[in-house]
């Protein structure tokens, strides 16, 4: 059995999230359905228990007020990884600050790549598939008519149960105490 990895995300449950989930199913239908989300802490091993991680989350998040971010353009992490995403264009510094505050204690990890706030559309199997997905996603995103503003008000602590399958462990609101 693999050692479980953990991450911290802000789910996007609005028309942008619906757009991304629909596009992901079209671009990579064989992947399990993943809810649209902004990644705050990328996947990592814990440096303690799940309970100590939740305590750290509650402590830090209670001191951070909810905030708005604005999404920018579709981009790709190719050649580092065959991932297509939408960059957080405005208030990305708030996401970076939150990442830095939470990358501590049981949640501390040396990141594989520099943290960049984004909303993943899809991770493909190889670079050529990612380039094709990027072209399609970029074109579709230019026609998206809804608001590109997102409220970041609650984070969700998740554990990878199997590859591409994540389980929600705790919802942690910003500026308040833990919710069950």
Protein backbone atom coordinates (compact mmCIF):
# COMPACT_ATOMS: atom_id res chain seq x y z
CA UNK A 1 0.00 0.00 0.00
CA UNK A 2 1.23 3.48 -0.88
CA UNK A 3 1.82 6.11 1.76
CA UNK A 4 -1.11 8.49 1.37
CA UNK A 5 -0.56 11.98 0.03
CA UNK A 6 -2.54 14.98 1.18
CA UNK A 7 -3.44 18.31 -0.40
CA UNK A 8 -5.42 21.43 0.35
CA UNK A 9 -7.85 22.80 -2.20
CA UNK A 10 -10.54 25.46 -2.62
CA UNK A 11 -13.39 23.91 -4.59
CA UNK A 12 -14.83 26.00 -7.42
CA UNK A 13 -18.58 25.43 -7.27
CA UNK A 14 -19.90 27.98 -9.74
CA UNK A 15 -20.16 28.37 -13.55
CA UNK A 16 -16.34 28.42 -13.88
CA UNK A 17 -16.15 25.10 -12.02
CA UNK A 18 -18.89 23.63 -14.20
CA UNK A 19 -17.07 24.83 -17.32
CA UNK A 20 -13.78 23.23 -16.20
CA UNK A 21 -15.40 19.94 -15.19
CA UNK A 22 -17.29 19.68 -18.50
CA UNK A 23 -14.14 20.53 -20.49
CA UNK A 24 -12.08 18.00 -18.49
CA UNK A 25 -14.59 15.22 -19.24
CA UNK A 26 -14.38 16.07 -22.96
CA UNK A 27 -10.57 16.30 -23.09
CA UNK A 28 -9.77 13.25 -20.94
CA UNK A 29 -12.94 11.14 -20.46
CA UNK A 30 -11.07 8.12 -19.06
CA UNK A 31 -9.94 10.06 -15.98
CA UNK A 32 -12.10 9.75 -12.86
CA UNK A 33 -14.22 12.83 -12.26
CA UNK A 34 -12.37 15.38 -10.12
CA UNK A 35 -14.13 18.45 -8.77
CA UNK A 36 -12.80 21.78 -10.08
CA UNK A 37 -10.50 23.38 -7.53
CA UNK A 38 -7.75 25.86 -6.85
CA UNK A 39 -4.77 24.09 -5.32
CA UNK A 40 -3.49 25.76 -2.15
CA UNK A 41 -1.09 23.01 -1.04
CA UNK A 42 -0.05 20.55 -3.77
CA UNK A 43 0.06 16.83 -2.91
CA UNK A 44 2.47 15.96 -0.11
CA UNK A 45 3.26 13.50 2.63
CA UNK A 46 2.33 14.63 6.14
CA UNK A 47 4.98 15.42 8.74
CA UNK A 48 2.60 14.29 11.49
CA UNK A 49 -0.92 12.98 11.92
CA UNK A 50 -4.07 13.94 10.04
CA UNK A 51 -5.37 15.43 13.30
CA UNK A 52 -2.27 17.62 13.76
CA UNK A 53 -2.62 18.77 10.13
CA UNK A 54 -6.28 19.71 10.71
CA UNK A 55 -5.29 21.60 13.87
CA UNK A 56 -2.68 23.57 11.89
CA UNK A 57 -5.26 24.31 9.19
CA UNK A 58 -7.80 25.52 11.71
CA UNK A 59 -5.24 27.70 13.49
CA UNK A 60 -3.92 29.38 10.33
CA UNK A 61 -7.21 29.66 8.43
CA UNK A 62 -9.05 31.24 11.36
CA UNK A 63 -6.65 34.21 11.01
CA UNK A 64 -7.13 34.66 7.23
CA UNK A 65 -10.13 36.56 5.88
CA UNK A 66 -11.91 35.23 2.77
CA UNK A 67 -10.71 36.90 -0.43
CA UNK A 68 -11.42 37.17 -4.16
CA UNK A 69 -9.16 36.08 -7.01
CA UNK A 70 -9.61 36.60 -10.75
CA UNK A 71 -8.74 33.95 -13.30
CA UNK A 72 -6.58 34.83 -16.30
CA UNK A 73 -5.48 32.86 -19.34
CA UNK A 74 -5.24 29.16 -20.09
CA UNK A 75 -1.63 27.98 -19.84
CA UNK A 76 0.34 24.75 -19.60
CA UNK A 77 3.16 23.41 -17.45
CA UNK A 78 4.68 21.62 -20.49
CA UNK A 79 7.47 20.45 -20.62
CA UNK A 80 7.65 19.96 -16.82
CA UNK A 81 4.33 18.16 -16.66
CA UNK A 82 1.56 17.65 -19.27
CA UNK A 83 -0.92 19.80 -17.34
CA UNK A 84 -3.27 22.45 -18.73
CA UNK A 85 -4.61 25.08 -16.33
CA UNK A 86 -6.10 28.54 -15.89
CA UNK A 87 -3.74 30.93 -14.12
CA UNK A 88 -4.90 33.02 -11.17
CA UNK A 89 -4.23 36.49 -12.59
CA UNK A 90 -5.41 38.91 -9.91
CA UNK A 91 -4.77 38.47 -6.18
CA UNK A 92 -2.53 35.47 -6.82
CA UNK A 93 -0.28 36.95 -4.11
CA UNK A 94 -3.06 36.15 -1.61
CA UNK A 95 -2.96 32.49 -2.69
CA UNK A 96 0.85 32.47 -2.39
CA UNK A 97 0.69 34.02 1.09
CA UNK A 98 -1.87 31.42 2.17
CA UNK A 99 0.26 28.62 0.70
CA UNK A 100 3.32 29.89 2.56
CA UNK A 101 1.43 30.23 5.86
CA UNK A 102 0.03 26.69 5.58
CA UNK A 103 3.24 24.99 4.41
CA UNK A 104 4.26 24.44 8.03
CA UNK A 105 4.25 21.88 10.85
CA UNK A 106 2.45 18.66 9.81
CA UNK A 107 1.76 20.15 6.36
CA UNK A 108 5.34 21.24 5.63
CA UNK A 109 6.86 19.99 2.39
CA UNK A 110 9.57 20.91 -0.05
CA UNK A 111 7.61 21.66 -3.22
CA UNK A 112 8.61 19.81 -6.37
CA UNK A 113 8.06 23.03 -8.37
CA UNK A 114 7.59 26.66 -7.36
CA UNK A 115 4.01 27.23 -6.21
CA UNK A 116 1.85 28.99 -8.79
CA UNK A 117 -1.84 29.61 -8.07
CA UNK A 118 -3.98 27.95 -10.74
CA UNK A 119 -7.12 26.02 -11.57
CA UNK A 120 -6.18 22.73 -13.24
CA UNK A 121 -8.22 21.83 -16.29
CA UNK A 122 -6.58 18.51 -17.10
CA UNK A 123 -3.38 16.51 -16.71
CA UNK A 124 -2.75 14.49 -19.85
CA UNK A 125 -0.60 11.41 -20.41
CA UNK A 126 2.04 13.10 -22.54
CA UNK A 127 3.21 16.43 -23.94
CA UNK A 128 1.55 16.15 -27.36
CA UNK A 129 -1.84 15.41 -25.77
CA UNK A 130 -1.33 18.34 -23.41
CA UNK A 131 -0.55 20.67 -26.32
CA UNK A 132 -3.75 19.60 -28.10
CA UNK A 133 -5.79 19.99 -24.89
CA UNK A 134 -4.21 23.42 -24.37
CA UNK A 135 -5.33 24.60 -27.83
CA UNK A 136 -8.90 23.40 -27.25
CA UNK A 137 -9.09 24.80 -23.70
CA UNK A 138 -7.65 28.17 -24.72
CA UNK A 139 -10.24 28.50 -27.50
CA UNK A 140 -13.16 27.47 -25.27
CA UNK A 141 -12.04 29.75 -22.41
CA UNK A 142 -12.04 32.79 -24.71
CA UNK A 143 -15.77 32.14 -25.28
CA UNK A 144 -16.64 31.70 -21.59
CA UNK A 145 -19.15 34.45 -20.79
CA UNK A 146 -19.42 34.16 -17.00
CA UNK A 147 -17.54 35.94 -14.25
CA UNK A 148 -13.90 34.95 -13.81
CA UNK A 149 -13.88 36.12 -10.20
CA UNK A 150 -13.77 33.46 -7.48
CA UNK A 151 -14.36 33.82 -3.75
CA UNK A 152 -11.88 31.82 -1.65
CA UNK A 153 -13.73 31.33 1.63
CA UNK A 154 -13.31 27.65 2.49
CA UNK A 155 -10.49 25.16 1.98
CA UNK A 156 -10.84 21.39 1.92
CA UNK A 157 -8.19 19.04 3.29
CA UNK A 158 -8.05 15.94 1.06
CA UNK A 159 -6.27 12.57 1.03
CA UNK A 160 -5.38 10.52 -2.04
CA UNK A 161 -7.02 7.12 -1.57
CA UNK A 162 -5.84 5.78 -4.93
CA UNK A 163 -4.37 7.40 -8.01
CA UNK A 164 -6.63 10.27 -9.17
CA UNK A 165 -9.11 9.54 -6.37
CA UNK A 166 -9.19 12.05 -3.51
CA UNK A 167 -11.28 11.88 -0.33
CA UNK A 168 -12.44 15.03 1.48
CA UNK A 169 -11.30 14.92 5.11
CA UNK A 170 -12.23 18.35 6.50
CA UNK A 171 -13.69 21.64 5.34
CA UNK A 172 -11.87 24.59 6.86
CA UNK A 173 -13.49 28.03 6.50
CA UNK A 174 -11.31 31.10 6.32
CA UNK A 175 -11.76 33.49 9.22
CA UNK A 176 -13.76 31.04 11.40
CA UNK A 177 -13.52 27.74 13.20
CA UNK A 178 -13.56 24.25 11.63
CA UNK A 179 -16.84 22.95 10.17
CA UNK A 180 -17.70 19.27 10.11
